[in-house]
């Protein structure tokens, strides 16, 4: 059985964070493990409190996982502080983790801020460049690229700019005998009026791949980013390439949104378990 580790915050309402990740990993018929970066008090209407894990305790969690049940892929979600980011980077490097999917979580679906300002530099300069693929939405893409994304051409320019930024960060830290690895960029275009069209940019091949989909009229999208990145991690763990991993993950999340689950007073969660019905 393939094993997937999620390093993320807990969503007590079950729609996002490690709860969404574990559901996604489980329905992909894989073994789910989690290292908790924070406890959050949130639901479909907003985020009402965040309590971070202690950096030493997060390191302890990661040691326990990697030393006993080594993961085939790692998904990284909400990491709110620089100290926690440094722990994650150190441990992923120490244990030579592979198939790392980083979702640069900065805001919740309901608009709540989930990262400290001081952590943004460490996220961009250390954690994201160490990943296999990163999965920003348009708002996060704007922060990472400096481009105000309004069109599909803007998305392509932003994805290239993000990859160049990741390359520069890795070059600044690498010795001369180390091959520079640049993560692929999956820029999610669901907030554009043109439809649910996502762009995958693979910098090592200089390839731009569009995954097009029709807009689904369903406001219940709480945890969409968490779920998609976890599905990508599962597919990488299964041995699929980046392009096929993204394609299958998009198919899964499209069905989860189409299932039309309706819970809560705000933006409700997806139906992660739709394939079991």
C-alpha atoms as a PDB file:
ATOM      1  CA  UNK A   1       0.000   0.000   0.000  1.00  0.00           C
ATOM      2  CA  UNK A   2       1.266   3.456  -0.884  1.00  0.00           C
ATOM      3  CA  UNK A   3       1.697   5.952   1.972  1.00  0.00           C
ATOM      4  CA  UNK A   4       1.005   9.679   1.803  1.00  0.00           C
ATOM      5  CA  UNK A   5       1.897  12.218   4.487  1.00  0.00           C
ATOM      6  CA  UNK A   6       0.036  15.489   4.899  1.00  0.00           C
ATOM      7  CA  UNK A   7       1.760  18.302   6.782  1.00  0.00           C
ATOM      8  CA  UNK A   8      -0.967  20.848   7.408  1.00  0.00           C
ATOM      9  CA  UNK A   9      -3.349  22.500   9.832  1.00  0.00           C
ATOM     10  CA  UNK A  10      -6.410  20.879  11.340  1.00  0.00           C
ATOM     11  CA  UNK A  11      -9.888  22.055  10.324  1.00  0.00           C
ATOM     12  CA  UNK A  12     -12.238  21.178  13.161  1.00  0.00           C
ATOM     13  CA  UNK A  13     -15.226  21.374  10.786  1.00  0.00           C
ATOM     14  CA  UNK A  14     -13.709  18.685   8.550  1.00  0.00           C
ATOM     15  CA  UNK A  15     -13.864  20.419   5.183  1.00  0.00           C
ATOM     16  CA  UNK A  16     -10.260  21.497   4.702  1.00  0.00           C
ATOM     17  CA  UNK A  17      -6.796  20.901   6.139  1.00  0.00           C
ATOM     18  CA  UNK A  18      -5.681  17.490   7.321  1.00  0.00           C
ATOM     19  CA  UNK A  19      -9.251  16.233   7.556  1.00  0.00           C
ATOM     20  CA  UNK A  20      -9.836  16.872   3.844  1.00  0.00           C
ATOM     21  CA  UNK A  21      -6.417  15.423   3.049  1.00  0.00           C
ATOM     22  CA  UNK A  22      -7.000  12.205   4.974  1.00  0.00           C
ATOM     23  CA  UNK A  23     -10.384  11.682   3.304  1.00  0.00           C
ATOM     24  CA  UNK A  24      -8.848  12.256  -0.120  1.00  0.00           C
ATOM     25  CA  UNK A  25      -5.918   9.931   0.505  1.00  0.00           C
ATOM     26  CA  UNK A  26      -8.206   7.232   1.868  1.00  0.00           C
ATOM     27  CA  UNK A  27     -10.555   7.208  -1.132  1.00  0.00           C
ATOM     28  CA  UNK A  28      -7.448   6.904  -3.323  1.00  0.00           C
ATOM     29  CA  UNK A  29      -6.877   3.608  -1.440  1.00  0.00           C
ATOM     30  CA  UNK A  30      -3.677   4.780   0.194  1.00  0.00           C
ATOM     31  CA  UNK A  31      -2.447   5.001   3.779  1.00  0.00           C
ATOM     32  CA  UNK A  32      -2.782   8.503   5.225  1.00  0.00           C
ATOM     33  CA  UNK A  33      -0.464  10.030   7.820  1.00  0.00           C
ATOM     34  CA  UNK A  34      -0.467  13.560   9.218  1.00  0.00           C
ATOM     35  CA  UNK A  35       1.838  15.999  10.964  1.00  0.00           C
ATOM     36  CA  UNK A  36      -0.206  18.844  12.432  1.00  0.00           C
ATOM     37  CA  UNK A  37       1.182  22.359  12.023  1.00  0.00           C
ATOM     38  CA  UNK A  38      -1.721  24.135  13.738  1.00  0.00           C
ATOM     39  CA  UNK A  39      -5.135  23.719  15.277  1.00  0.00           C
ATOM     40  CA  UNK A  40      -7.752  26.024  13.815  1.00  0.00           C
ATOM     41  CA  UNK A  41     -11.193  26.974  15.043  1.00  0.00           C
ATOM     42  CA  UNK A  42     -13.107  27.347  11.785  1.00  0.00           C
ATOM     43  CA  UNK A  43     -16.193  26.340   9.889  1.00  0.00           C
ATOM     44  CA  UNK A  44     -17.876  27.192   6.599  1.00  0.00           C
ATOM     45  CA  UNK A  45     -18.333  30.833   7.664  1.00  0.00           C
ATOM     46  CA  UNK A  46     -14.778  31.696   8.620  1.00  0.00           C
ATOM     47  CA  UNK A  47     -11.637  31.146  10.675  1.00  0.00           C
ATOM     48  CA  UNK A  48     -12.061  32.115  14.323  1.00  0.00           C
ATOM     49  CA  UNK A  49      -8.807  31.024  15.903  1.00  0.00           C
ATOM     50  CA  UNK A  50      -5.388  29.508  15.165  1.00  0.00           C
ATOM     51  CA  UNK A  51      -3.110  27.748  17.628  1.00  0.00           C
ATOM     52  CA  UNK A  52       0.259  26.761  16.162  1.00  0.00           C
ATOM     53  CA  UNK A  53       2.194  23.617  16.926  1.00  0.00           C
ATOM     54  CA  UNK A  54       5.478  24.043  18.733  1.00  0.00           C
ATOM     55  CA  UNK A  55       8.384  23.699  16.236  1.00  0.00           C
ATOM     56  CA  UNK A  56      10.083  21.021  18.339  1.00  0.00           C
ATOM     57  CA  UNK A  57       6.863  19.033  18.514  1.00  0.00           C
ATOM     58  CA  UNK A  58       6.374  19.268  14.745  1.00  0.00           C
ATOM     59  CA  UNK A  59       9.932  17.986  14.298  1.00  0.00           C
ATOM     60  CA  UNK A  60       9.096  15.127  16.662  1.00  0.00           C
ATOM     61  CA  UNK A  61       6.030  14.228  14.596  1.00  0.00           C
ATOM     62  CA  UNK A  62       8.047  14.177  11.384  1.00  0.00           C
ATOM     63  CA  UNK A  63      10.823  12.082  12.928  1.00  0.00           C
ATOM     64  CA  UNK A  64       8.272   9.520  14.125  1.00  0.00           C
ATOM     65  CA  UNK A  65       6.740   9.266  10.665  1.00  0.00           C
ATOM     66  CA  UNK A  66       9.874   9.126   8.512  1.00  0.00           C
ATOM     67  CA  UNK A  67      11.746   6.754  10.828  1.00  0.00           C
ATOM     68  CA  UNK A  68       8.948   4.192  10.866  1.00  0.00           C
ATOM     69  CA  UNK A  69       6.505   4.446   7.928  1.00  0.00           C
ATOM     70  CA  UNK A  70       8.333   6.267   5.144  1.00  0.00           C
ATOM     71  CA  UNK A  71       5.886   8.173   2.888  1.00  0.00           C
ATOM     72  CA  UNK A  72       5.789   7.755  -0.885  1.00  0.00           C
ATOM     73  CA  UNK A  73       4.586  11.352  -1.253  1.00  0.00           C
ATOM     74  CA  UNK A  74       4.221  14.422   0.939  1.00  0.00           C
ATOM     75  CA  UNK A  75       1.553  17.104   0.729  1.00  0.00           C
ATOM     76  CA  UNK A  76       2.208  20.400   2.531  1.00  0.00           C
ATOM     77  CA  UNK A  77      -0.611  22.780   3.322  1.00  0.00           C
ATOM     78  CA  UNK A  78      -1.027  25.493   5.942  1.00  0.00           C
ATOM     79  CA  UNK A  79       2.224  26.493   7.649  1.00  0.00           C
ATOM     80  CA  UNK A  80       1.783  29.770   9.486  1.00  0.00           C
ATOM     81  CA  UNK A  81       5.247  30.652  10.838  1.00  0.00           C
ATOM     82  CA  UNK A  82       8.862  30.837   9.716  1.00  0.00           C
ATOM     83  CA  UNK A  83      10.012  28.510  12.503  1.00  0.00           C
ATOM     84  CA  UNK A  84       7.661  25.750  11.364  1.00  0.00           C
ATOM     85  CA  UNK A  85       8.694  26.204   7.739  1.00  0.00           C
ATOM     86  CA  UNK A  86      12.357  25.825   8.698  1.00  0.00           C
ATOM     87  CA  UNK A  87      11.576  22.585  10.560  1.00  0.00           C
ATOM     88  CA  UNK A  88       9.735  21.141   7.559  1.00  0.00           C
ATOM     89  CA  UNK A  89      12.504  22.033   5.102  1.00  0.00           C
ATOM     90  CA  UNK A  90      15.174  20.585   7.401  1.00  0.00           C
ATOM     91  CA  UNK A  91      13.290  17.308   7.892  1.00  0.00           C
ATOM     92  CA  UNK A  92      12.373  16.852   4.228  1.00  0.00           C
ATOM     93  CA  UNK A  93      16.036  17.367   3.375  1.00  0.00           C
ATOM     94  CA  UNK A  94      17.280  15.078   6.160  1.00  0.00           C
ATOM     95  CA  UNK A  95      15.039  12.214   5.098  1.00  0.00           C
ATOM     96  CA  UNK A  96      15.389  12.851   1.340  1.00  0.00           C
ATOM     97  CA  UNK A  97      11.634  13.070   0.825  1.00  0.00           C
ATOM     98  CA  UNK A  98      10.299  12.792  -2.725  1.00  0.00           C
ATOM     99  CA  UNK A  99       7.061  13.674  -4.521  1.00  0.00           C
ATOM    100  CA  UNK A 100       6.488  16.841  -2.508  1.00  0.00           C
ATOM    101  CA  UNK A 101       3.310  18.782  -3.307  1.00  0.00           C
ATOM    102  CA  UNK A 102       3.126  22.221  -1.719  1.00  0.00           C
ATOM    103  CA  UNK A 103      -0.115  24.164  -1.560  1.00  0.00           C
ATOM    104  CA  UNK A 104       0.927  27.721  -0.578  1.00  0.00           C
ATOM    105  CA  UNK A 105      -2.027  28.312   1.737  1.00  0.00           C
ATOM    106  CA  UNK A 106      -2.291  32.002   2.604  1.00  0.00           C
ATOM    107  CA  UNK A 107      -6.042  32.596   2.874  1.00  0.00           C
ATOM    108  CA  UNK A 108      -9.030  30.382   3.611  1.00  0.00           C
ATOM    109  CA  UNK A 109     -11.930  30.125   1.168  1.00  0.00           C
ATOM    110  CA  UNK A 110     -13.938  32.382   3.481  1.00  0.00           C
ATOM    111  CA  UNK A 111     -11.182  35.031   3.441  1.00  0.00           C
ATOM    112  CA  UNK A 112      -9.423  34.350   6.747  1.00  0.00           C
ATOM    113  CA  UNK A 113      -5.646  34.956   6.817  1.00  0.00           C
ATOM    114  CA  UNK A 114      -3.712  31.766   7.577  1.00  0.00           C
ATOM    115  CA  UNK A 115      -0.038  32.798   7.457  1.00  0.00           C
ATOM    116  CA  UNK A 116       2.084  35.339   9.309  1.00  0.00           C
ATOM    117  CA  UNK A 117       3.733  38.080   7.257  1.00  0.00           C
ATOM    118  CA  UNK A 118       7.156  36.994   8.525  1.00  0.00           C
ATOM    119  CA  UNK A 119       6.582  33.474   7.193  1.00  0.00           C
ATOM    120  CA  UNK A 120       5.922  34.490   3.600  1.00  0.00           C
ATOM    121  CA  UNK A 121       9.615  35.042   2.802  1.00  0.00           C
ATOM    122  CA  UNK A 122      10.578  31.630   4.194  1.00  0.00           C
ATOM    123  CA  UNK A 123       7.720  29.988   2.292  1.00  0.00           C
ATOM    124  CA  UNK A 124       8.827  31.511  -1.002  1.00  0.00           C
ATOM    125  CA  UNK A 125      12.567  31.247  -0.436  1.00  0.00           C
ATOM    126  CA  UNK A 126      12.843  27.782   1.144  1.00  0.00           C
ATOM    127  CA  UNK A 127       9.763  25.559   1.213  1.00  0.00           C
ATOM    128  CA  UNK A 128       8.231  26.065  -2.231  1.00  0.00           C
ATOM    129  CA  UNK A 129      11.547  25.732  -4.114  1.00  0.00           C
ATOM    130  CA  UNK A 130      12.146  22.372  -2.396  1.00  0.00           C
ATOM    131  CA  UNK A 131       8.912  20.936  -3.779  1.00  0.00           C
ATOM    132  CA  UNK A 132       8.136  18.778  -6.793  1.00  0.00           C
ATOM    133  CA  UNK A 133       5.054  20.827  -7.685  1.00  0.00           C
ATOM    134  CA  UNK A 134       3.325  23.837  -6.151  1.00  0.00           C
ATOM    135  CA  UNK A 135      -0.398  24.569  -6.502  1.00  0.00           C
ATOM    136  CA  UNK A 136      -1.227  28.272  -6.007  1.00  0.00           C
ATOM    137  CA  UNK A 137      -4.614  29.795  -6.745  1.00  0.00           C
ATOM    138  CA  UNK A 138      -4.796  33.155  -8.514  1.00  0.00           C
ATOM    139  CA  UNK A 139      -4.506  35.242  -5.340  1.00  0.00           C
ATOM    140  CA  UNK A 140      -1.479  33.257  -4.226  1.00  0.00           C
ATOM    141  CA  UNK A 141      -0.118  33.369  -7.763  1.00  0.00           C
ATOM    142  CA  UNK A 142      -0.244  37.151  -7.651  1.00  0.00           C
ATOM    143  CA  UNK A 143       1.781  37.201  -4.422  1.00  0.00           C
ATOM    144  CA  UNK A 144       4.342  34.738  -5.792  1.00  0.00           C
ATOM    145  CA  UNK A 145       4.730  36.339  -9.232  1.00  0.00           C
ATOM    146  CA  UNK A 146       3.974  40.011  -8.671  1.00  0.00           C
ATOM    147  CA  UNK A 147       1.549  39.867 -11.618  1.00  0.00           C
ATOM    148  CA  UNK A 148      -2.073  40.946 -11.360  1.00  0.00           C
ATOM    149  CA  UNK A 149      -3.734  37.953 -13.033  1.00  0.00           C
ATOM    150  CA  UNK A 150      -6.798  38.822 -15.090  1.00  0.00           C
ATOM    151  CA  UNK A 151      -6.443  36.728 -18.257  1.00  0.00           C
ATOM    152  CA  UNK A 152      -5.110  33.360 -19.370  1.00  0.00           C
ATOM    153  CA  UNK A 153      -2.091  35.135 -20.847  1.00  0.00           C
ATOM    154  CA  UNK A 154      -1.484  36.609 -17.391  1.00  0.00           C
ATOM    155  CA  UNK A 155      -1.658  33.087 -15.968  1.00  0.00           C
ATOM    156  CA  UNK A 156       1.028  31.861 -18.351  1.00  0.00           C
ATOM    157  CA  UNK A 157       3.277  34.823 -17.564  1.00  0.00           C
ATOM    158  CA  UNK A 158       2.718  34.376 -13.834  1.00  0.00           C
ATOM    159  CA  UNK A 159       3.496  30.644 -13.909  1.00  0.00           C
ATOM    160  CA  UNK A 160       6.782  31.302 -15.710  1.00  0.00           C
ATOM    161  CA  UNK A 161       7.649  34.118 -13.290  1.00  0.00           C
ATOM    162  CA  UNK A 162       6.952  31.865 -10.289  1.00  0.00           C
ATOM    163  CA  UNK A 163       9.167  29.109 -11.701  1.00  0.00           C
ATOM    164  CA  UNK A 164      11.958  31.630 -12.322  1.00  0.00           C
ATOM    165  CA  UNK A 165      11.650  32.813  -8.737  1.00  0.00           C
ATOM    166  CA  UNK A 166      11.882  29.237  -7.500  1.00  0.00           C
ATOM    167  CA  UNK A 167      14.967  28.631  -9.653  1.00  0.00           C
ATOM    168  CA  UNK A 168      16.655  31.737  -8.276  1.00  0.00           C
ATOM    169  CA  UNK A 169      15.933  30.641  -4.707  1.00  0.00           C
ATOM    170  CA  UNK A 170      17.421  27.202  -5.329  1.00  0.00           C
ATOM    171  CA  UNK A 171      20.466  28.615  -7.104  1.00  0.00           C
ATOM    172  CA  UNK A 172      21.133  30.895  -4.143  1.00  0.00           C
ATOM    173  CA  UNK A 173      21.298  27.916  -1.788  1.00  0.00           C
ATOM    174  CA  UNK A 174      22.895  25.207  -3.945  1.00  0.00           C
ATOM    175  CA  UNK A 175      26.539  24.288  -4.283  1.00  0.00           C
ATOM    176  CA  UNK A 176      28.096  24.036  -7.746  1.00  0.00           C
ATOM    177  CA  UNK A 177      27.893  20.233  -7.940  1.00  0.00           C
ATOM    178  CA  UNK A 178      24.160  20.028  -7.240  1.00  0.00           C
ATOM    179  CA  UNK A 179      21.686  19.969 -10.120  1.00  0.00           C
ATOM    180  CA  UNK A 180      19.096  22.676  -9.702  1.00  0.00           C
ATOM    181  CA  UNK A 181      15.558  21.294  -9.412  1.00  0.00           C
ATOM    182  CA  UNK A 182      12.701  23.669 -10.193  1.00  0.00           C
ATOM    183  CA  UNK A 183       9.175  22.723  -9.122  1.00  0.00           C
ATOM    184  CA  UNK A 184       6.340  22.514 -11.610  1.00  0.00           C
ATOM    185  CA  UNK A 185       3.650  25.169 -11.135  1.00  0.00           C
ATOM    186  CA  UNK A 186      -0.066  24.342 -11.213  1.00  0.00           C
ATOM    187  CA  UNK A 187      -1.816  27.714 -11.315  1.00  0.00           C
ATOM    188  CA  UNK A 188      -5.512  27.250 -10.596  1.00  0.00           C
ATOM    189  CA  UNK A 189      -7.752  29.533 -12.643  1.00  0.00           C
ATOM    190  CA  UNK A 190     -11.109  28.802 -11.045  1.00  0.00           C
ATOM    191  CA  UNK A 191     -11.654  32.450 -10.129  1.00  0.00           C
ATOM    192  CA  UNK A 192     -11.367  33.704 -13.714  1.00  0.00           C
ATOM    193  CA  UNK A 193     -14.639  34.354 -15.534  1.00  0.00           C
ATOM    194  CA  UNK A 194     -13.473  32.174 -18.443  1.00  0.00           C
ATOM    195  CA  UNK A 195     -14.207  28.940 -16.568  1.00  0.00           C
ATOM    196  CA  UNK A 196     -12.396  26.373 -14.440  1.00  0.00           C
ATOM    197  CA  UNK A 197      -9.195  26.306 -16.461  1.00  0.00           C
ATOM    198  CA  UNK A 198      -5.937  25.382 -14.724  1.00  0.00           C
ATOM    199  CA  UNK A 199      -2.432  25.819 -16.112  1.00  0.00           C
ATOM    200  CA  UNK A 200       0.428  23.409 -15.470  1.00  0.00           C
ATOM    201  CA  UNK A 201       3.874  24.771 -16.256  1.00  0.00           C
ATOM    202  CA  UNK A 202       6.762  22.297 -16.252  1.00  0.00           C
ATOM    203  CA  UNK A 203       9.912  24.449 -16.307  1.00  0.00           C
ATOM    204  CA  UNK A 204      12.408  21.648 -16.981  1.00  0.00           C
ATOM    205  CA  UNK A 205      10.593  20.989 -20.272  1.00  0.00           C
ATOM    206  CA  UNK A 206       9.357  24.566 -20.793  1.00  0.00           C
ATOM    207  CA  UNK A 207       5.874  23.136 -21.317  1.00  0.00           C
ATOM    208  CA  UNK A 208       2.536  24.839 -20.667  1.00  0.00           C
ATOM    209  CA  UNK A 209      -0.392  22.423 -20.340  1.00  0.00           C
ATOM    210  CA  UNK A 210      -3.977  23.622 -19.969  1.00  0.00           C
ATOM    211  CA  UNK A 211      -6.576  21.568 -18.140  1.00  0.00           C
ATOM    212  CA  UNK A 212      -9.904  23.001 -19.159  1.00  0.00           C
ATOM    213  CA  UNK A 213     -13.218  22.523 -17.433  1.00  0.00           C
ATOM    214  CA  UNK A 214     -16.645  24.120 -17.341  1.00  0.00           C
ATOM    215  CA  UNK A 215     -17.628  26.308 -14.425  1.00  0.00           C
ATOM    216  CA  UNK A 216     -19.677  24.363 -11.878  1.00  0.00           C
ATOM    217  CA  UNK A 217     -22.419  26.402 -10.246  1.00  0.00           C
ATOM    218  CA  UNK A 218     -21.795  25.317  -6.667  1.00  0.00           C
ATOM    219  CA  UNK A 219     -20.723  27.786  -3.949  1.00  0.00           C
ATOM    220  CA  UNK A 220     -19.593  24.964  -1.672  1.00  0.00           C
ATOM    221  CA  UNK A 221     -15.871  24.907  -2.350  1.00  0.00           C
ATOM    222  CA  UNK A 222     -14.421  24.888   1.178  1.00  0.00           C
ATOM    223  CA  UNK A 223     -11.178  22.907   1.096  1.00  0.00           C
ATOM    224  CA  UNK A 224     -10.835  22.745  -2.684  1.00  0.00           C
ATOM    225  CA  UNK A 225      -7.123  23.582  -2.688  1.00  0.00           C
ATOM    226  CA  UNK A 226      -6.333  21.112   0.091  1.00  0.00           C
ATOM    227  CA  UNK A 227      -8.206  18.357  -1.693  1.00  0.00           C
ATOM    228  CA  UNK A 228      -6.648  18.949  -5.114  1.00  0.00           C
ATOM    229  CA  UNK A 229      -3.083  19.013  -3.797  1.00  0.00           C
ATOM    230  CA  UNK A 230      -3.675  15.819  -1.811  1.00  0.00           C
ATOM    231  CA  UNK A 231      -5.042  14.089  -4.904  1.00  0.00           C
ATOM    232  CA  UNK A 232      -1.959  15.145  -6.873  1.00  0.00           C
ATOM    233  CA  UNK A 233       0.242  13.718  -4.113  1.00  0.00           C
ATOM    234  CA  UNK A 234      -1.650  10.420  -4.250  1.00  0.00           C
ATOM    235  CA  UNK A 235      -1.171  10.149  -7.981  1.00  0.00           C
ATOM    236  CA  UNK A 236       2.546  10.904  -7.698  1.00  0.00           C
ATOM    237  CA  UNK A 237       2.794   8.249  -4.975  1.00  0.00           C
ATOM    238  CA  UNK A 238       1.191   5.803  -7.409  1.00  0.00           C
ATOM    239  CA  UNK A 239       4.069   6.434  -9.815  1.00  0.00           C
ATOM    240  CA  UNK A 240       2.298   8.676 -12.321  1.00  0.00           C
ATOM    241  CA  UNK A 241       4.051  11.611 -13.971  1.00  0.00           C
ATOM    242  CA  UNK A 242       3.252  15.199 -13.090  1.00  0.00           C
ATOM    243  CA  UNK A 243       0.938  15.825 -16.047  1.00  0.00           C
ATOM    244  CA  UNK A 244      -1.140  12.675 -15.504  1.00  0.00           C
ATOM    245  CA  UNK A 245      -1.190  13.245 -11.740  1.00  0.00           C
ATOM    246  CA  UNK A 246      -2.710  16.681 -12.244  1.00  0.00           C
ATOM    247  CA  UNK A 247      -5.192  15.431 -14.856  1.00  0.00           C
ATOM    248  CA  UNK A 248      -6.523  12.686 -12.582  1.00  0.00           C
ATOM    249  CA  UNK A 249      -6.627  15.023  -9.575  1.00  0.00           C
ATOM    250  CA  UNK A 250      -8.679  17.539 -11.531  1.00  0.00           C
ATOM    251  CA  UNK A 251     -11.102  14.795 -12.579  1.00  0.00           C
ATOM    252  CA  UNK A 252     -11.498  13.753  -8.929  1.00  0.00           C
ATOM    253  CA  UNK A 253     -12.135  17.241  -7.591  1.00  0.00           C
ATOM    254  CA  UNK A 254     -14.536  18.107 -10.417  1.00  0.00           C
ATOM    255  CA  UNK A 255     -16.685  15.132  -9.424  1.00  0.00           C
ATOM    256  CA  UNK A 256     -16.410  16.119  -5.740  1.00  0.00           C
ATOM    257  CA  UNK A 257     -17.806  19.571  -6.532  1.00  0.00           C
ATOM    258  CA  UNK A 258     -20.463  18.247  -8.919  1.00  0.00           C
ATOM    259  CA  UNK A 259     -21.742  15.889  -6.203  1.00  0.00           C
ATOM    260  CA  UNK A 260     -23.474  18.922  -4.704  1.00  0.00           C
ATOM    261  CA  UNK A 261     -22.919  18.307  -0.998  1.00  0.00           C
ATOM    262  CA  UNK A 262     -24.570  21.112   0.983  1.00  0.00           C
ATOM    263  CA  UNK A 263     -23.499  21.558   4.611  1.00  0.00           C
ATOM    264  CA  UNK A 264     -23.139  24.593   6.846  1.00  0.00           C
ATOM    265  CA  UNK A 265     -24.260  28.196   6.679  1.00  0.00           C
ATOM    266  CA  UNK A 266     -21.374  29.437   4.529  1.00  0.00           C
ATOM    267  CA  UNK A 267     -19.169  27.940   1.835  1.00  0.00           C
ATOM    268  CA  UNK A 268     -19.647  24.260   2.507  1.00  0.00           C
ATOM    269  CA  UNK A 269     -17.243  21.362   1.966  1.00  0.00           C
ATOM    270  CA  UNK A 270     -16.823  19.113  -1.051  1.00  0.00           C
ATOM    271  CA  UNK A 271     -18.047  15.530  -1.181  1.00  0.00           C
ATOM    272  CA  UNK A 272     -14.683  13.833  -0.793  1.00  0.00           C
ATOM    273  CA  UNK A 273     -16.333  10.440  -0.609  1.00  0.00           C
ATOM    274  CA  UNK A 274     -18.371  10.689  -3.844  1.00  0.00           C
ATOM    275  CA  UNK A 275     -16.626   7.692  -5.375  1.00  0.00           C
ATOM    276  CA  UNK A 276     -17.907   5.437  -2.575  1.00  0.00           C
ATOM    277  CA  UNK A 277     -21.569   6.023  -3.393  1.00  0.00           C
END
